[in-house]
Amino acid sequence: VQIPELTDEKSKARKAGYKNICEIGKERISRAGKQ
């Protein structure tokens, strides 16, 4: 469970296209699972 907290506009995550932490979490699970 994760609240969709917005990433900082100046952060590496936002620059990489992740608007909130949930987008990071889902992408990590997907990549880690495949790896």
PDB file of all heavy atoms in Angstrom:
ATOM      1  N   VAL A   1       0.857  -1.181   0.000  1.00  0.00           N
ATOM      2  CA  VAL A   1       0.000   0.000   0.000  1.00  0.00           C
ATOM      3  C   VAL A   1       0.894   1.232   0.000  1.00  0.00           C
ATOM      4  O   VAL A   1       1.831   1.326   0.793  1.00  0.00           O
ATOM      5  CB  VAL A   1      -0.926   0.037   1.232  1.00  0.00           C
ATOM      6  CG1 VAL A   1      -1.899   1.205   1.120  1.00  0.00           C
ATOM      7  CG2 VAL A   1      -1.682  -1.282   1.403  1.00  0.00           C
ATOM      8  N   GLN A   2       0.600   2.171  -0.886  1.00  0.00           N
ATOM      9  CA  GLN A   2       1.406   3.389  -0.964  1.00  0.00           C
ATOM     10  C   GLN A   2       0.536   4.551  -1.417  1.00  0.00           C
ATOM     11  O   GLN A   2      -0.206   4.440  -2.390  1.00  0.00           O
ATOM     12  CB  GLN A   2       2.580   3.216  -1.937  1.00  0.00           C
ATOM     13  CG  GLN A   2       3.418   4.461  -2.156  1.00  0.00           C
ATOM     14  CD  GLN A   2       4.056   4.987  -0.887  1.00  0.00           C
ATOM     15  OE1 GLN A   2       4.604   4.211  -0.087  1.00  0.00           O
ATOM     16  NE2 GLN A   2       3.990   6.285  -0.671  1.00  0.00           N
ATOM     17  N   ILE A   3       0.620   5.652  -0.704  1.00  0.00           N
ATOM     18  CA  ILE A   3      -0.087   6.860  -1.123  1.00  0.00           C
ATOM     19  C   ILE A   3       0.654   7.466  -2.311  1.00  0.00           C
ATOM     20  O   ILE A   3       1.888   7.469  -2.348  1.00  0.00           O
ATOM     21  CB  ILE A   3      -0.180   7.857   0.050  1.00  0.00           C
ATOM     22  CG1 ILE A   3      -1.236   8.916  -0.236  1.00  0.00           C
ATOM     23  CG2 ILE A   3       1.157   8.469   0.384  1.00  0.00           C
ATOM     24  CD1 ILE A   3      -1.612   9.721   0.995  1.00  0.00           C
ATOM     25  N   PRO A   4      -0.059   7.964  -3.327  1.00  0.00           N
ATOM     26  CA  PRO A   4       0.614   8.515  -4.517  1.00  0.00           C
ATOM     27  C   PRO A   4       1.207   9.886  -4.261  1.00  0.00           C
ATOM     28  O   PRO A   4       0.784  10.893  -4.822  1.00  0.00           O
ATOM     29  CB  PRO A   4      -0.509   8.556  -5.563  1.00  0.00           C
ATOM     30  CG  PRO A   4      -1.761   8.643  -4.778  1.00  0.00           C
ATOM     31  CD  PRO A   4      -1.529   7.879  -3.512  1.00  0.00           C
ATOM     32  N   GLU A   5       2.208   9.923  -3.399  1.00  0.00           N
ATOM     33  CA  GLU A   5       2.900  11.167  -3.060  1.00  0.00           C
ATOM     34  C   GLU A   5       3.653  11.682  -4.279  1.00  0.00           C
ATOM     35  O   GLU A   5       4.381  10.937  -4.941  1.00  0.00           O
ATOM     36  CB  GLU A   5       3.867  10.915  -1.903  1.00  0.00           C
ATOM     37  CG  GLU A   5       4.680  12.122  -1.507  1.00  0.00           C
ATOM     38  CD  GLU A   5       5.754  11.771  -0.489  1.00  0.00           C
ATOM     39  OE1 GLU A   5       5.754  10.633   0.007  1.00  0.00           O
ATOM     40  OE2 GLU A   5       6.598  12.639  -0.201  1.00  0.00           O
ATOM     41  N   LEU A   6       3.476  12.950  -4.565  1.00  0.00           N
ATOM     42  CA  LEU A   6       4.127  13.540  -5.729  1.00  0.00           C
ATOM     43  C   LEU A   6       5.640  13.606  -5.537  1.00  0.00           C
ATOM     44  O   LEU A   6       6.121  13.900  -4.441  1.00  0.00           O
ATOM     45  CB  LEU A   6       3.584  14.951  -5.983  1.00  0.00           C
ATOM     46  CG  LEU A   6       2.090  15.060  -6.305  1.00  0.00           C
ATOM     47  CD1 LEU A   6       1.688  16.518  -6.422  1.00  0.00           C
ATOM     48  CD2 LEU A   6       1.756  14.306  -7.583  1.00  0.00           C
ATOM     49  N   THR A   7       6.365  13.322  -6.589  1.00  0.00           N
ATOM     50  CA  THR A   7       7.822  13.465  -6.537  1.00  0.00           C
ATOM     51  C   THR A   7       8.192  14.944  -6.692  1.00  0.00           C
ATOM     52  O   THR A   7       7.448  15.726  -7.287  1.00  0.00           O
ATOM     53  CB  THR A   7       8.499  12.657  -7.657  1.00  0.00           C
ATOM     54  OG1 THR A   7       7.949  13.065  -8.924  1.00  0.00           O
ATOM     55  CG2 THR A   7       8.260  11.172  -7.469  1.00  0.00           C
ATOM     56  N   ASP A   8       9.322  15.298  -6.147  1.00  0.00           N
ATOM     57  CA  ASP A   8       9.789  16.678  -6.247  1.00  0.00           C
ATOM     58  C   ASP A   8      10.078  17.018  -7.716  1.00  0.00           C
ATOM     59  O   ASP A   8      10.647  16.213  -8.453  1.00  0.00           O
ATOM     60  CB  ASP A   8      11.062  16.858  -5.419  1.00  0.00           C
ATOM     61  CG  ASP A   8      11.464  18.323  -5.312  1.00  0.00           C
ATOM     62  OD1 ASP A   8      11.995  18.860  -6.305  1.00  0.00           O
ATOM     63  OD2 ASP A   8      11.231  18.911  -4.243  1.00  0.00           O
ATOM     64  N   GLU A   9       9.668  18.216  -8.119  1.00  0.00           N
ATOM     65  CA  GLU A   9       9.824  18.612  -9.516  1.00  0.00           C
ATOM     66  C   GLU A   9      11.280  18.637  -9.967  1.00  0.00           C
ATOM     67  O   GLU A   9      11.572  18.490 -11.150  1.00  0.00           O
ATOM     68  CB  GLU A   9       9.185  19.989  -9.738  1.00  0.00           C
ATOM     69  CG  GLU A   9       7.665  19.973  -9.593  1.00  0.00           C
ATOM     70  CD  GLU A   9       7.052  21.326  -9.901  1.00  0.00           C
ATOM     71  OE1 GLU A   9       7.826  22.279 -10.167  1.00  0.00           O
ATOM     72  OE2 GLU A   9       5.817  21.427  -9.868  1.00  0.00           O
ATOM     73  N   LYS A  10      12.197  18.847  -9.018  1.00  0.00           N
ATOM     74  CA  LYS A  10      13.610  18.916  -9.370  1.00  0.00           C
ATOM     75  C   LYS A  10      14.339  17.590  -9.171  1.00  0.00           C
ATOM     76  O   LYS A  10      15.540  17.498  -9.399  1.00  0.00           O
ATOM     77  CB  LYS A  10      14.295  19.991  -8.525  1.00  0.00           C
ATOM     78  CG  LYS A  10      13.746  21.389  -8.755  1.00  0.00           C
ATOM     79  CD  LYS A  10      14.450  22.404  -7.872  1.00  0.00           C
ATOM     80  CE  LYS A  10      13.885  23.813  -8.087  1.00  0.00           C
ATOM     81  NZ  LYS A  10      14.555  24.810  -7.217  1.00  0.00           N
ATOM     82  N   SER A  11      13.623  16.563  -8.744  1.00  0.00           N
ATOM     83  CA  SER A  11      14.256  15.282  -8.427  1.00  0.00           C
ATOM     84  C   SER A  11      14.588  14.479  -9.683  1.00  0.00           C
ATOM     85  O   SER A  11      14.053  14.719 -10.770  1.00  0.00           O
ATOM     86  CB  SER A  11      13.330  14.448  -7.532  1.00  0.00           C
ATOM     87  OG  SER A  11      12.152  14.082  -8.235  1.00  0.00           O
ATOM     88  N   LYS A  12      15.488  13.513  -9.503  1.00  0.00           N
ATOM     89  CA  LYS A  12      15.829  12.608 -10.606  1.00  0.00           C
ATOM     90  C   LYS A  12      14.614  11.798 -11.042  1.00  0.00           C
ATOM     91  O   LYS A  12      14.455  11.496 -12.224  1.00  0.00           O
ATOM     92  CB  LYS A  12      16.955  11.668 -10.169  1.00  0.00           C
ATOM     93  CG  LYS A  12      18.289  12.345  -9.921  1.00  0.00           C
ATOM     94  CD  LYS A  12      19.340  11.321  -9.499  1.00  0.00           C
ATOM     95  CE  LYS A  12      20.681  11.991  -9.230  1.00  0.00           C
ATOM     96  NZ  LYS A  12      21.708  11.001  -8.791  1.00  0.00           N
ATOM     97  N   ALA A  13      13.764  11.456 -10.071  1.00  0.00           N
ATOM     98  CA  ALA A  13      12.573  10.662 -10.389  1.00  0.00           C
ATOM     99  C   ALA A  13      11.647  11.423 -11.328  1.00  0.00           C
ATOM    100  O   ALA A  13      11.140  10.865 -12.311  1.00  0.00           O
ATOM    101  CB  ALA A  13      11.845  10.291  -9.098  1.00  0.00           C
ATOM    102  N   ARG A  14      11.398  12.708 -11.027  1.00  0.00           N
ATOM    103  CA  ARG A  14      10.516  13.501 -11.898  1.00  0.00           C
ATOM    104  C   ARG A  14      11.133  13.678 -13.281  1.00  0.00           C
ATOM    105  O   ARG A  14      10.428  13.592 -14.309  1.00  0.00           O
ATOM    106  CB  ARG A  14      10.242  14.855 -11.243  1.00  0.00           C
ATOM    107  CG  ARG A  14       9.332  15.761 -12.070  1.00  0.00           C
ATOM    108  CD  ARG A  14       7.928  15.165 -12.255  1.00  0.00           C
ATOM    109  NE  ARG A  14       7.206  15.145 -11.005  1.00  0.00           N
ATOM    110  CZ  ARG A  14       6.441  16.142 -10.560  1.00  0.00           C
ATOM    111  NH1 ARG A  14       6.325  17.249 -11.276  1.00  0.00           N
ATOM    112  NH2 ARG A  14       5.798  16.029  -9.419  1.00  0.00           N
ATOM    113  N   LYS A  15      12.440  13.907 -13.311  1.00  0.00           N
ATOM    114  CA  LYS A  15      13.116  14.064 -14.598  1.00  0.00           C
ATOM    115  C   LYS A  15      13.074  12.773 -15.414  1.00  0.00           C
ATOM    116  O   LYS A  15      13.118  12.806 -16.642  1.00  0.00           O
ATOM    117  CB  LYS A  15      14.558  14.496 -14.377  1.00  0.00           C
ATOM    118  CG  LYS A  15      14.678  15.916 -13.804  1.00  0.00           C
ATOM    119  CD  LYS A  15      16.124  16.284 -13.514  1.00  0.00           C
ATOM    120  CE  LYS A  15      16.212  17.691 -12.929  1.00  0.00           C
ATOM    121  NZ  LYS A  15      17.608  18.071 -12.584  1.00  0.00           N
ATOM    122  N   ALA A  16      12.987  11.641 -14.692  1.00  0.00           N
ATOM    123  CA  ALA A  16      12.905  10.347 -15.382  1.00  0.00           C
ATOM    124  C   ALA A  16      11.474  10.007 -15.791  1.00  0.00           C
ATOM    125  O   ALA A  16      11.234   8.961 -16.399  1.00  0.00           O
ATOM    126  CB  ALA A  16      13.462   9.251 -14.489  1.00  0.00           C
ATOM    127  N   GLY A  17      10.527  10.879 -15.423  1.00  0.00           N
ATOM    128  CA  GLY A  17       9.146  10.674 -15.855  1.00  0.00           C
ATOM    129  C   GLY A  17       8.200  10.132 -14.800  1.00  0.00           C
ATOM    130  O   GLY A  17       7.040   9.856 -15.093  1.00  0.00           O
ATOM    131  N   TYR A  18       8.675   9.980 -13.567  1.00  0.00           N
ATOM    132  CA  TYR A  18       7.823   9.455 -12.497  1.00  0.00           C
ATOM    133  C   TYR A  18       7.161  10.605 -11.745  1.00  0.00           C
ATOM    134  O   TYR A  18       7.819  11.368 -11.046  1.00  0.00           O
ATOM    135  CB  TYR A  18       8.640   8.605 -11.521  1.00  0.00           C
ATOM    136  CG  TYR A  18       9.310   7.413 -12.165  1.00  0.00           C
ATOM    137  CD1 TYR A  18      10.674   7.433 -12.465  1.00  0.00           C
ATOM    138  CD2 TYR A  18       8.577   6.275 -12.479  1.00  0.00           C
ATOM    139  CE1 TYR A  18      11.295   6.346 -13.055  1.00  0.00           C
ATOM    140  CE2 TYR A  18       9.189   5.183 -13.073  1.00  0.00           C
ATOM    141  CZ  TYR A  18      10.548   5.223 -13.360  1.00  0.00           C
ATOM    142  OH  TYR A  18      11.154   4.147 -13.948  1.00  0.00           O
ATOM    143  N   LYS A  19       5.851  10.716 -11.866  1.00  0.00           N
ATOM    144  CA  LYS A  19       5.126  11.817 -11.237  1.00  0.00           C
ATOM    145  C   LYS A  19       4.908  11.588  -9.741  1.00  0.00           C
ATOM    146  O   LYS A  19       4.803  12.533  -8.979  1.00  0.00           O
ATOM    147  CB  LYS A  19       3.778  12.020 -11.928  1.00  0.00           C
ATOM    148  CG  LYS A  19       3.901  12.476 -13.374  1.00  0.00           C
ATOM    149  CD  LYS A  19       2.527  12.658 -13.999  1.00  0.00           C
ATOM    150  CE  LYS A  19       2.650  13.108 -15.452  1.00  0.00           C
ATOM    151  NZ  LYS A  19       1.318  13.268 -16.090  1.00  0.00           N
ATOM    152  N   ASN A  20       4.789  10.312  -9.350  1.00  0.00           N
ATOM    153  CA  ASN A  20       4.574  10.022  -7.929  1.00  0.00           C
ATOM    154  C   ASN A  20       5.271   8.722  -7.549  1.00  0.00           C
ATOM    155  O   ASN A  20       5.763   7.982  -8.402  1.00  0.00           O
ATOM    156  CB  ASN A  20       3.083   9.971  -7.584  1.00  0.00           C
ATOM    157  CG  ASN A  20       2.334   8.902  -8.372  1.00  0.00           C
ATOM    158  OD1 ASN A  20       2.665   7.719  -8.309  1.00  0.00           O
ATOM    159  ND2 ASN A  20       1.308   9.307  -9.115  1.00  0.00           N
ATOM    160  N   ILE A  21       5.290   8.446  -6.252  1.00  0.00           N
ATOM    161  CA  ILE A  21       6.026   7.285  -5.745  1.00  0.00           C
ATOM    162  C   ILE A  21       5.404   5.976  -6.214  1.00  0.00           C
ATOM    163  O   ILE A  21       6.116   4.983  -6.416  1.00  0.00           O
ATOM    164  CB  ILE A  21       6.097   7.344  -4.207  1.00  0.00           C
ATOM    165  CG1 ILE A  21       6.967   8.518  -3.779  1.00  0.00           C
ATOM    166  CG2 ILE A  21       6.676   6.058  -3.634  1.00  0.00           C
ATOM    167  CD1 ILE A  21       7.101   8.680  -2.288  1.00  0.00           C
ATOM    168  N   CYS A  22       4.091   5.954  -6.395  1.00  0.00           N
ATOM    169  CA  CYS A  22       3.449   4.720  -6.864  1.00  0.00           C
ATOM    170  C   CYS A  22       3.968   4.305  -8.241  1.00  0.00           C
ATOM    171  O   CYS A  22       4.137   3.112  -8.506  1.00  0.00           O
ATOM    172  CB  CYS A  22       1.930   4.901  -6.902  1.00  0.00           C
ATOM    173  SG  CYS A  22       1.165   4.998  -5.274  1.00  0.00           S
ATOM    174  N   GLU A  23       4.199   5.271  -9.091  1.00  0.00           N
ATOM    175  CA  GLU A  23       4.736   4.948 -10.419  1.00  0.00           C
ATOM    176  C   GLU A  23       6.122   4.321 -10.293  1.00  0.00           C
ATOM    177  O   GLU A  23       6.464   3.401 -11.042  1.00  0.00           O
ATOM    178  CB  GLU A  23       4.796   6.211 -11.279  1.00  0.00           C
ATOM    179  CG  GLU A  23       3.420   6.762 -11.649  1.00  0.00           C
ATOM    180  CD  GLU A  23       3.507   7.992 -12.530  1.00  0.00           C
ATOM    181  OE1 GLU A  23       4.642   8.410 -12.858  1.00  0.00           O
ATOM    182  OE2 GLU A  23       2.449   8.533 -12.885  1.00  0.00           O
ATOM    183  N   ILE A  24       6.905   4.806  -9.329  1.00  0.00           N
ATOM    184  CA  ILE A  24       8.236   4.227  -9.093  1.00  0.00           C
ATOM    185  C   ILE A  24       8.103   2.797  -8.590  1.00  0.00           C
ATOM    186  O   ILE A  24       8.794   1.889  -9.060  1.00  0.00           O
ATOM    187  CB  ILE A  24       9.015   5.083  -8.068  1.00  0.00           C
ATOM    188  CG1 ILE A  24       9.309   6.469  -8.639  1.00  0.00           C
ATOM    189  CG2 ILE A  24      10.311   4.387  -7.663  1.00  0.00           C
ATOM    190  CD1 ILE A  24       9.947   7.415  -7.644  1.00  0.00           C
ATOM    191  N   GLY A  25       7.206   2.589  -7.604  1.00  0.00           N
ATOM    192  CA  GLY A  25       7.035   1.259  -7.020  1.00  0.00           C
ATOM    193  C   GLY A  25       6.593   0.229  -8.037  1.00  0.00           C
ATOM    194  O   GLY A  25       7.140  -0.879  -8.101  1.00  0.00           O
ATOM    195  N   LYS A  26       5.601   0.574  -8.856  1.00  0.00           N
ATOM    196  CA  LYS A  26       5.087  -0.375  -9.853  1.00  0.00           C
ATOM    197  C   LYS A  26       6.155  -0.718 -10.890  1.00  0.00           C
ATOM    198  O   LYS A  26       6.292  -1.879 -11.293  1.00  0.00           O
ATOM    199  CB  LYS A  26       3.841   0.209 -10.524  1.00  0.00           C
ATOM    200  CG  LYS A  26       2.625   0.244  -9.618  1.00  0.00           C
ATOM    201  CD  LYS A  26       1.399   0.813 -10.309  1.00  0.00           C
ATOM    202  CE  LYS A  26       1.547   2.295 -10.572  1.00  0.00           C
ATOM    203  NZ  LYS A  26       0.282   2.885 -11.110  1.00  0.00           N
ATOM    204  N   GLU A  27       6.914   0.294 -11.296  1.00  0.00           N
ATOM    205  CA  GLU A  27       7.964   0.044 -12.289  1.00  0.00           C
ATOM    206  C   GLU A  27       9.066  -0.826 -11.701  1.00  0.00           C
ATOM    207  O   GLU A  27       9.605  -1.705 -12.382  1.00  0.00           O
ATOM    208  CB  GLU A  27       8.535   1.368 -12.783  1.00  0.00           C
ATOM    209  CG  GLU A  27       9.569   1.237 -13.890  1.00  0.00           C
ATOM    210  CD  GLU A  27       9.024   0.639 -15.176  1.00  0.00           C
ATOM    211  OE1 GLU A  27       7.789   0.696 -15.381  1.00  0.00           O
ATOM    212  OE2 GLU A  27       9.814   0.099 -15.965  1.00  0.00           O
ATOM    213  N   ARG A  28       9.382  -0.599 -10.433  1.00  0.00           N
ATOM    214  CA  ARG A  28      10.420  -1.419  -9.809  1.00  0.00           C
ATOM    215  C   ARG A  28       9.989  -2.884  -9.752  1.00  0.00           C
ATOM    216  O   ARG A  28      10.780  -3.785 -10.050  1.00  0.00           O
ATOM    217  CB  ARG A  28      10.720  -0.929  -8.401  1.00  0.00           C
ATOM    218  CG  ARG A  28      11.744  -1.852  -7.718  1.00  0.00           C
ATOM    219  CD  ARG A  28      12.018  -1.492  -6.295  1.00  0.00           C
ATOM    220  NE  ARG A  28      13.044  -2.362  -5.728  1.00  0.00           N
ATOM    221  CZ  ARG A  28      13.642  -2.154  -4.575  1.00  0.00           C
ATOM    222  NH1 ARG A  28      13.309  -1.113  -3.831  1.00  0.00           N
ATOM    223  NH2 ARG A  28      14.560  -2.990  -4.142  1.00  0.00           N
ATOM    224  N   ILE A  29       8.761  -3.143  -9.323  1.00  0.00           N
ATOM    225  CA  ILE A  29       8.293  -4.533  -9.240  1.00  0.00           C
ATOM    226  C   ILE A  29       8.359  -5.190 -10.606  1.00  0.00           C
ATOM    227  O   ILE A  29       8.799  -6.341 -10.748  1.00  0.00           O
ATOM    228  CB  ILE A  29       6.854  -4.605  -8.695  1.00  0.00           C
ATOM    229  CG1 ILE A  29       6.765  -3.951  -7.318  1.00  0.00           C
ATOM    230  CG2 ILE A  29       6.398  -6.062  -8.587  1.00  0.00           C
ATOM    231  CD1 ILE A  29       5.339  -3.805  -6.809  1.00  0.00           C
ATOM    232  N   SER A  30       7.928  -4.464 -11.620  1.00  0.00           N
ATOM    233  CA  SER A  30       7.928  -5.004 -12.979  1.00  0.00           C
ATOM    234  C   SER A  30       9.343  -5.339 -13.443  1.00  0.00           C
ATOM    235  O   SER A  30       9.608  -6.437 -13.950  1.00  0.00           O
ATOM    236  CB  SER A  30       7.271  -4.001 -13.927  1.00  0.00           C
ATOM    237  OG  SER A  30       7.256  -4.488 -15.241  1.00  0.00           O
ATOM    238  N   ARG A  31      10.273  -4.399 -13.255  1.00  0.00           N
ATOM    239  CA  ARG A  31      11.655  -4.630 -13.703  1.00  0.00           C
ATOM    240  C   ARG A  31      12.337  -5.718 -12.874  1.00  0.00           C
ATOM    241  O   ARG A  31      13.041  -6.569 -13.422  1.00  0.00           O
ATOM    242  CB  ARG A  31      12.452  -3.324 -13.608  1.00  0.00           C
ATOM    243  CG  ARG A  31      12.014  -2.252 -14.573  1.00  0.00           C
ATOM    244  CD  ARG A  31      12.942  -1.042 -14.518  1.00  0.00           C
ATOM    245  NE  ARG A  31      12.456   0.055 -15.341  1.00  0.00           N
ATOM    246  CZ  ARG A  31      13.097   1.201 -15.532  1.00  0.00           C
ATOM    247  NH1 ARG A  31      14.285   1.380 -14.949  1.00  0.00           N
ATOM    248  NH2 ARG A  31      12.590   2.152 -16.289  1.00  0.00           N
ATOM    249  N   ALA A  32      12.139  -5.644 -11.558  1.00  0.00           N
ATOM    250  CA  ALA A  32      12.772  -6.634 -10.687  1.00  0.00           C
ATOM    251  C   ALA A  32      12.257  -8.032 -10.999  1.00  0.00           C
ATOM    252  O   ALA A  32      13.022  -9.002 -11.028  1.00  0.00           O
ATOM    253  CB  ALA A  32      12.517  -6.286  -9.223  1.00  0.00           C
ATOM    254  N   GLY A  33      10.943  -8.152 -11.221  1.00  0.00           N
ATOM    255  CA  GLY A  33      10.360  -9.455 -11.529  1.00  0.00           C
ATOM    256  C   GLY A  33      10.952 -10.063 -12.789  1.00  0.00           C
ATOM    257  O   GLY A  33      11.307 -11.248 -12.819  1.00  0.00           O
ATOM    258  N   LYS A  34      11.079  -9.246 -13.816  1.00  0.00           N
ATOM    259  CA  LYS A  34      11.653  -9.735 -15.082  1.00  0.00           C
ATOM    260  C   LYS A  34      13.115 -10.129 -14.897  1.00  0.00           C
ATOM    261  O   LYS A  34      13.563 -11.148 -15.431  1.00  0.00           O
ATOM    262  CB  LYS A  34      11.529  -8.656 -16.157  1.00  0.00           C
ATOM    263  CG  LYS A  34      10.103  -8.384 -16.599  1.00  0.00           C
ATOM    264  CD  LYS A  34      10.044  -7.246 -17.603  1.00  0.00           C
ATOM    265  CE  LYS A  34       8.602  -6.941 -18.017  1.00  0.00           C
ATOM    266  NZ  LYS A  34       8.533  -5.780 -18.944  1.00  0.00           N
ATOM    267  N   GLN A  35      13.855  -9.301 -14.142  1.00  0.00           N
ATOM    268  CA  GLN A  35      15.266  -9.599 -13.916  1.00  0.00           C
ATOM    269  C   GLN A  35      15.435 -10.902 -13.136  1.00  0.00           C
ATOM    270  O   GLN A  35      16.287 -11.738 -13.477  1.00  0.00           O
ATOM    271  CB  GLN A  35      15.918  -8.442 -13.155  1.00  0.00           C
ATOM    272  CG  GLN A  35      17.417  -8.602 -12.952  1.00  0.00           C
ATOM    273  CD  GLN A  35      17.993  -7.499 -12.088  1.00  0.00           C
ATOM    274  OE1 GLN A  35      17.829  -7.497 -10.877  1.00  0.00           O
ATOM    275  NE2 GLN A  35      18.667  -6.540 -12.718  1.00  0.00           N
TER     276      GLN A  35
END
